[in-house]
Amino acid sequence: MPIRTNRGRTAVYRRLWGWPLRSPTHFVISLVIVGAIATGIGLLLPNEPASQEQPRAQTTTTRPQGGGTSGAVPGPTVTTPRITTNPLAAPVPAAPAAEALTVGEAWARAFVNHPDGITAQQWLSGLRQHSTEEQMAVLGTVDPANVPATTVTGKATGANSTTSSVEVTVPTDKGSIKLYVIRVPEQGWRVSYYTPVE
């Protein structure tokens, strides 16, 4: 069995590793030294570069212009947002279309046509060919027995008209009805809204 002595590398290592355990003071000093070394290493390490990736669909890259020399360091790139706009064309004012007035008057005649015994489905059938799908959904909640007017008393007139819409007013025996008639692609003119005129 080897005899331990205070000479040689083993003895030196034993003294180094055993020094922190000799007293609480040595232990605290050892912890402070280890913490300082770890902090120093963390400060010396370089930070990770931020991602340079940019959204391709939203930005465009403009490189600086000017005469470049061989080996010169390029300047920073400038990114500008790519904006795509498609403004809607404004409605073009026009005289009330005769077909829109005809459709509005036909709709009003079907609207006030609710004799005793007519069913809601029969009443809606008369309105369907002159109404938009959205308007038919609204009319489906109306009880025809609650419509006070029973007859149209005059010709339809138009106002605030464009090439795609006309406000049509139709007089009835219980006041006038104001209709909003629009041009629906592949369907022609249709009533999209109505309201009684006070």
C-alpha atoms as a PDB file:
ATOM      1  CA  MET A   1       0.000   0.000   0.000  1.00  0.00           C
ATOM      2  CA  PRO A   2       1.497   3.386  -0.993  1.00  0.00           C
ATOM      3  CA  ILE A   3       2.379   5.823   1.735  1.00  0.00           C
ATOM      4  CA  ARG A   4       0.826   9.306   1.410  1.00  0.00           C
ATOM      5  CA  THR A   5       3.317  12.126   1.705  1.00  0.00           C
ATOM      6  CA  ASN A   6       3.152  15.911   1.294  1.00  0.00           C
ATOM      7  CA  ARG A   7       5.346  15.698  -1.816  1.00  0.00           C
ATOM      8  CA  GLY A   8       4.489  15.184  -5.496  1.00  0.00           C
ATOM      9  CA  ARG A   9       1.583  16.168  -7.759  1.00  0.00           C
ATOM     10  CA  THR A  10      -0.955  14.125  -5.858  1.00  0.00           C
ATOM     11  CA  ALA A  11      -0.242  16.047  -2.695  1.00  0.00           C
ATOM     12  CA  VAL A  12      -0.602  19.369  -4.531  1.00  0.00           C
ATOM     13  CA  TYR A  13      -3.943  18.333  -6.026  1.00  0.00           C
ATOM     14  CA  ARG A  14      -5.150  17.127  -2.638  1.00  0.00           C
ATOM     15  CA  ARG A  15      -4.328  20.508  -1.098  1.00  0.00           C
ATOM     16  CA  LEU A  16      -6.132  22.431  -3.888  1.00  0.00           C
ATOM     17  CA  TRP A  17      -9.342  20.396  -3.754  1.00  0.00           C
ATOM     18  CA  GLY A  18      -9.342  20.256   0.010  1.00  0.00           C
ATOM     19  CA  TRP A  19      -8.766  23.997   0.574  1.00  0.00           C
ATOM     20  CA  PRO A  20     -12.495  25.021   0.102  1.00  0.00           C
ATOM     21  CA  LEU A  21     -13.556  22.428   2.661  1.00  0.00           C
ATOM     22  CA  ARG A  22     -11.210  23.524   5.420  1.00  0.00           C
ATOM     23  CA  SER A  23     -13.573  26.210   6.748  1.00  0.00           C
ATOM     24  CA  PRO A  24     -16.831  28.015   5.874  1.00  0.00           C
ATOM     25  CA  THR A  25     -14.831  31.095   4.914  1.00  0.00           C
ATOM     26  CA  HIS A  26     -12.786  29.136   2.369  1.00  0.00           C
ATOM     27  CA  PHE A  27     -16.001  27.656   0.965  1.00  0.00           C
ATOM     28  CA  VAL A  28     -17.654  31.094   0.478  1.00  0.00           C
ATOM     29  CA  ILE A  29     -14.499  32.482  -1.149  1.00  0.00           C
ATOM     30  CA  SER A  30     -14.453  29.517  -3.525  1.00  0.00           C
ATOM     31  CA  LEU A  31     -18.088  30.139  -4.543  1.00  0.00           C
ATOM     32  CA  VAL A  32     -17.377  33.828  -5.232  1.00  0.00           C
ATOM     33  CA  ILE A  33     -14.380  32.947  -7.395  1.00  0.00           C
ATOM     34  CA  VAL A  34     -16.371  30.379  -9.417  1.00  0.00           C
ATOM     35  CA  GLY A  35     -19.234  32.861  -9.913  1.00  0.00           C
ATOM     36  CA  ALA A  36     -16.851  35.589 -11.073  1.00  0.00           C
ATOM     37  CA  ILE A  37     -15.220  33.236 -13.573  1.00  0.00           C
ATOM     38  CA  ALA A  38     -18.642  32.164 -14.973  1.00  0.00           C
ATOM     39  CA  THR A  39     -19.765  35.796 -15.301  1.00  0.00           C
ATOM     40  CA  GLY A  40     -16.561  36.760 -17.059  1.00  0.00           C
ATOM     41  CA  ILE A  41     -16.920  33.930 -19.545  1.00  0.00           C
ATOM     42  CA  GLY A  42     -20.543  34.959 -20.242  1.00  0.00           C
ATOM     43  CA  LEU A  43     -19.517  38.556 -20.928  1.00  0.00           C
ATOM     44  CA  LEU A  44     -16.716  37.513 -23.264  1.00  0.00           C
ATOM     45  CA  LEU A  45     -18.892  35.278 -25.434  1.00  0.00           C
ATOM     46  CA  PRO A  46     -20.347  37.088 -28.525  1.00  0.00           C
ATOM     47  CA  ASN A  47     -24.104  37.599 -28.731  1.00  0.00           C
ATOM     48  CA  GLU A  48     -26.029  35.580 -31.312  1.00  0.00           C
ATOM     49  CA  PRO A  49     -26.851  37.683 -34.371  1.00  0.00           C
ATOM     50  CA  ALA A  50     -30.516  38.571 -34.849  1.00  0.00           C
ATOM     51  CA  SER A  51     -32.350  36.914 -37.672  1.00  0.00           C
ATOM     52  CA  GLN A  52     -32.039  38.878 -40.896  1.00  0.00           C
ATOM     53  CA  GLU A  53     -34.903  37.100 -42.579  1.00  0.00           C
ATOM     54  CA  GLN A  54     -37.675  39.464 -43.706  1.00  0.00           C
ATOM     55  CA  PRO A  55     -41.123  38.715 -45.059  1.00  0.00           C
ATOM     56  CA  ARG A  56     -40.785  38.469 -48.810  1.00  0.00           C
ATOM     57  CA  ALA A  57     -44.403  39.189 -49.553  1.00  0.00           C
ATOM     58  CA  GLN A  58     -44.519  42.464 -47.611  1.00  0.00           C
ATOM     59  CA  THR A  59     -41.148  44.102 -48.122  1.00  0.00           C
ATOM     60  CA  THR A  60     -38.806  44.869 -50.936  1.00  0.00           C
ATOM     61  CA  THR A  61     -35.073  45.422 -50.581  1.00  0.00           C
ATOM     62  CA  THR A  62     -33.394  48.455 -52.115  1.00  0.00           C
ATOM     63  CA  ARG A  63     -29.627  48.435 -52.320  1.00  0.00           C
ATOM     64  CA  PRO A  64     -27.732  51.701 -51.980  1.00  0.00           C
ATOM     65  CA  GLN A  65     -26.687  53.223 -55.260  1.00  0.00           C
ATOM     66  CA  GLY A  66     -23.370  54.758 -56.114  1.00  0.00           C
ATOM     67  CA  GLY A  67     -20.030  53.770 -57.489  1.00  0.00           C
ATOM     68  CA  GLY A  68     -18.770  50.850 -55.510  1.00  0.00           C
ATOM     69  CA  THR A  69     -15.130  50.013 -55.159  1.00  0.00           C
ATOM     70  CA  SER A  70     -13.799  46.511 -55.109  1.00  0.00           C
ATOM     71  CA  GLY A  71     -13.742  45.113 -51.590  1.00  0.00           C
ATOM     72  CA  ALA A  72     -15.859  47.962 -50.149  1.00  0.00           C
ATOM     73  CA  VAL A  73     -18.250  47.106 -47.351  1.00  0.00           C
ATOM     74  CA  PRO A  74     -21.846  47.541 -48.559  1.00  0.00           C
ATOM     75  CA  GLY A  75     -24.072  49.926 -46.638  1.00  0.00           C
ATOM     76  CA  PRO A  76     -27.240  48.889 -44.823  1.00  0.00           C
ATOM     77  CA  THR A  77     -30.168  47.804 -46.944  1.00  0.00           C
ATOM     78  CA  VAL A  78     -33.406  49.793 -46.845  1.00  0.00           C
ATOM     79  CA  THR A  79     -36.688  47.943 -46.727  1.00  0.00           C
ATOM     80  CA  THR A  80     -39.888  49.588 -47.901  1.00  0.00           C
ATOM     81  CA  PRO A  81     -43.380  48.103 -47.562  1.00  0.00           C
ATOM     82  CA  ARG A  82     -45.058  46.926 -50.724  1.00  0.00           C
ATOM     83  CA  ILE A  83     -48.543  48.461 -50.743  1.00  0.00           C
ATOM     84  CA  THR A  84     -51.131  47.211 -53.183  1.00  0.00           C
ATOM     85  CA  THR A  85     -54.296  49.228 -53.467  1.00  0.00           C
ATOM     86  CA  ASN A  86     -57.347  48.623 -55.598  1.00  0.00           C
ATOM     87  CA  PRO A  87     -59.788  51.466 -54.934  1.00  0.00           C
ATOM     88  CA  LEU A  88     -63.411  50.801 -55.751  1.00  0.00           C
ATOM     89  CA  ALA A  89     -64.822  52.862 -58.568  1.00  0.00           C
ATOM     90  CA  ALA A  90     -67.373  55.447 -57.438  1.00  0.00           C
ATOM     91  CA  PRO A  91     -70.962  54.919 -58.668  1.00  0.00           C
ATOM     92  CA  VAL A  92     -71.695  56.893 -61.813  1.00  0.00           C
ATOM     93  CA  PRO A  93     -74.840  59.070 -61.555  1.00  0.00           C
ATOM     94  CA  ALA A  94     -77.400  58.316 -64.236  1.00  0.00           C
ATOM     95  CA  ALA A  95     -81.064  58.781 -64.989  1.00  0.00           C
ATOM     96  CA  PRO A  96     -83.346  56.194 -63.347  1.00  0.00           C
ATOM     97  CA  ALA A  97     -83.381  53.054 -65.465  1.00  0.00           C
ATOM     98  CA  ALA A  98     -86.822  52.267 -66.844  1.00  0.00           C
ATOM     99  CA  GLU A  99     -86.346  48.577 -66.009  1.00  0.00           C
ATOM    100  CA  ALA A 100     -85.552  49.445 -62.382  1.00  0.00           C
ATOM    101  CA  LEU A 101     -88.803  51.443 -62.125  1.00  0.00           C
ATOM    102  CA  THR A 102     -90.749  48.571 -63.705  1.00  0.00           C
ATOM    103  CA  VAL A 103     -89.249  46.044 -61.275  1.00  0.00           C
ATOM    104  CA  GLY A 104     -89.925  48.333 -58.300  1.00  0.00           C
ATOM    105  CA  GLU A 105     -93.571  48.804 -59.259  1.00  0.00           C
ATOM    106  CA  ALA A 106     -94.073  45.075 -59.904  1.00  0.00           C
ATOM    107  CA  TRP A 107     -92.504  44.289 -56.517  1.00  0.00           C
ATOM    108  CA  ALA A 108     -94.827  46.765 -54.776  1.00  0.00           C
ATOM    109  CA  ARG A 109     -97.911  45.264 -56.473  1.00  0.00           C
ATOM    110  CA  ALA A 110     -96.867  41.785 -55.293  1.00  0.00           C
ATOM    111  CA  PHE A 111     -96.133  43.140 -51.814  1.00  0.00           C
ATOM    112  CA  VAL A 112     -99.623  44.629 -51.306  1.00  0.00           C
ATOM    113  CA  ASN A 113    -101.330  41.584 -52.878  1.00  0.00           C
ATOM    114  CA  HIS A 114    -102.378  39.595 -49.810  1.00  0.00           C
ATOM    115  CA  PRO A 115    -106.096  38.730 -49.992  1.00  0.00           C
ATOM    116  CA  ASP A 116    -107.737  36.727 -47.244  1.00  0.00           C
ATOM    117  CA  GLY A 117    -106.697  33.083 -47.318  1.00  0.00           C
ATOM    118  CA  ILE A 118    -103.335  33.625 -49.088  1.00  0.00           C
ATOM    119  CA  THR A 119    -100.474  31.687 -47.527  1.00  0.00           C
ATOM    120  CA  ALA A 120     -97.084  33.126 -46.735  1.00  0.00           C
ATOM    121  CA  GLN A 121     -95.484  30.869 -49.369  1.00  0.00           C
ATOM    122  CA  GLN A 122     -97.881  32.108 -52.065  1.00  0.00           C
ATOM    123  CA  TRP A 123     -97.150  35.715 -51.093  1.00  0.00           C
ATOM    124  CA  LEU A 124     -93.397  35.127 -51.175  1.00  0.00           C
ATOM    125  CA  SER A 125     -93.635  33.432 -54.575  1.00  0.00           C
ATOM    126  CA  GLY A 126     -94.945  36.653 -56.072  1.00  0.00           C
ATOM    127  CA  LEU A 127     -92.017  38.621 -54.636  1.00  0.00           C
ATOM    128  CA  ARG A 128     -89.208  36.154 -55.380  1.00  0.00           C
ATOM    129  CA  GLN A 129     -88.624  37.051 -59.038  1.00  0.00           C
ATOM    130  CA  HIS A 130     -88.117  40.743 -58.152  1.00  0.00           C
ATOM    131  CA  SER A 131     -86.084  40.370 -54.900  1.00  0.00           C
ATOM    132  CA  THR A 132     -82.488  39.600 -53.986  1.00  0.00           C
ATOM    133  CA  GLU A 133     -81.747  36.472 -51.950  1.00  0.00           C
ATOM    134  CA  GLU A 134     -80.947  38.617 -48.893  1.00  0.00           C
ATOM    135  CA  GLN A 135     -84.262  40.447 -49.221  1.00  0.00           C
ATOM    136  CA  MET A 136     -86.158  37.155 -49.490  1.00  0.00           C
ATOM    137  CA  ALA A 137     -84.627  36.075 -46.186  1.00  0.00           C
ATOM    138  CA  VAL A 138     -86.019  39.248 -44.596  1.00  0.00           C
ATOM    139  CA  LEU A 139     -89.436  38.850 -46.218  1.00  0.00           C
ATOM    140  CA  GLY A 140     -89.611  35.316 -44.880  1.00  0.00           C
ATOM    141  CA  THR A 141     -90.043  36.797 -41.403  1.00  0.00           C
ATOM    142  CA  VAL A 142     -93.003  39.032 -42.451  1.00  0.00           C
ATOM    143  CA  ASP A 143     -96.624  38.001 -41.987  1.00  0.00           C
ATOM    144  CA  PRO A 144     -98.508  39.264 -45.088  1.00  0.00           C
ATOM    145  CA  ALA A 145    -101.593  39.851 -42.948  1.00  0.00           C
ATOM    146  CA  ASN A 146     -99.651  42.620 -41.175  1.00  0.00           C
ATOM    147  CA  VAL A 147     -99.045  44.581 -44.406  1.00  0.00           C
ATOM    148  CA  PRO A 148    -101.523  47.500 -44.228  1.00  0.00           C
ATOM    149  CA  ALA A 149    -101.489  48.502 -47.909  1.00  0.00           C
ATOM    150  CA  THR A 150    -103.721  46.605 -50.335  1.00  0.00           C
ATOM    151  CA  THR A 151    -103.248  48.373 -53.666  1.00  0.00           C
ATOM    152  CA  VAL A 152    -100.809  50.513 -55.644  1.00  0.00           C
ATOM    153  CA  THR A 153    -102.294  53.912 -56.468  1.00  0.00           C
ATOM    154  CA  GLY A 154     -99.744  55.405 -58.874  1.00  0.00           C
ATOM    155  CA  LYS A 155     -96.624  55.065 -60.987  1.00  0.00           C
ATOM    156  CA  ALA A 156     -93.189  54.398 -59.571  1.00  0.00           C
ATOM    157  CA  THR A 157     -90.723  57.300 -59.521  1.00  0.00           C
ATOM    158  CA  GLY A 158     -86.936  57.203 -59.183  1.00  0.00           C
ATOM    159  CA  ALA A 159     -84.380  59.324 -57.306  1.00  0.00           C
ATOM    160  CA  ASN A 160     -80.683  59.201 -56.297  1.00  0.00           C
ATOM    161  CA  SER A 161     -79.987  56.889 -59.210  1.00  0.00           C
ATOM    162  CA  THR A 162     -76.721  55.565 -60.617  1.00  0.00           C
ATOM    163  CA  THR A 163     -75.872  53.045 -63.286  1.00  0.00           C
ATOM    164  CA  SER A 164     -76.232  50.241 -60.723  1.00  0.00           C
ATOM    165  CA  SER A 165     -78.871  51.415 -58.215  1.00  0.00           C
ATOM    166  CA  VAL A 166     -82.098  53.422 -58.021  1.00  0.00           C
ATOM    167  CA  GLU A 167     -84.241  54.586 -55.109  1.00  0.00           C
ATOM    168  CA  VAL A 168     -87.798  53.882 -56.226  1.00  0.00           C
ATOM    169  CA  THR A 169     -90.917  55.302 -54.563  1.00  0.00           C
ATOM    170  CA  VAL A 170     -94.289  53.630 -55.161  1.00  0.00           C
ATOM    171  CA  PRO A 171     -97.542  55.177 -53.804  1.00  0.00           C
ATOM    172  CA  THR A 172    -100.118  52.885 -52.150  1.00  0.00           C
ATOM    173  CA  ASP A 173    -103.464  53.348 -50.434  1.00  0.00           C
ATOM    174  CA  LYS A 174    -101.625  53.419 -47.063  1.00  0.00           C
ATOM    175  CA  GLY A 175     -98.737  55.692 -47.965  1.00  0.00           C
ATOM    176  CA  SER A 176     -95.703  55.311 -50.200  1.00  0.00           C
ATOM    177  CA  ILE A 177     -93.140  52.533 -50.122  1.00  0.00           C
ATOM    178  CA  LYS A 178     -89.494  53.368 -50.767  1.00  0.00           C
ATOM    179  CA  LEU A 179     -87.494  50.624 -52.464  1.00  0.00           C
ATOM    180  CA  TYR A 180     -83.766  50.282 -53.104  1.00  0.00           C
ATOM    181  CA  VAL A 181     -83.379  48.561 -56.462  1.00  0.00           C
ATOM    182  CA  ILE A 182     -79.940  47.327 -57.552  1.00  0.00           C
ATOM    183  CA  ARG A 183     -78.511  45.691 -60.654  1.00  0.00           C
ATOM    184  CA  VAL A 184     -77.456  42.116 -59.843  1.00  0.00           C
ATOM    185  CA  PRO A 185     -74.968  40.485 -62.247  1.00  0.00           C
ATOM    186  CA  GLU A 186     -76.635  37.910 -64.531  1.00  0.00           C
ATOM    187  CA  GLN A 187     -80.017  38.571 -62.877  1.00  0.00           C
ATOM    188  CA  GLY A 188     -80.915  42.144 -63.730  1.00  0.00           C
ATOM    189  CA  TRP A 189     -82.613  44.626 -61.423  1.00  0.00           C
ATOM    190  CA  ARG A 190     -83.753  43.367 -58.026  1.00  0.00           C
ATOM    191  CA  VAL A 191     -85.221  44.956 -54.884  1.00  0.00           C
ATOM    192  CA  SER A 192     -82.707  44.704 -52.039  1.00  0.00           C
ATOM    193  CA  TYR A 193     -84.424  46.846 -49.382  1.00  0.00           C
ATOM    194  CA  TYR A 194     -87.780  48.460 -48.667  1.00  0.00           C
ATOM    195  CA  THR A 195     -89.209  50.829 -46.080  1.00  0.00           C
ATOM    196  CA  PRO A 196     -92.486  52.727 -45.704  1.00  0.00           C
ATOM    197  CA  VAL A 197     -92.278  56.471 -46.300  1.00  0.00           C
ATOM    198  CA  GLU A 198     -93.883  58.545 -43.537  1.00  0.00           C
END
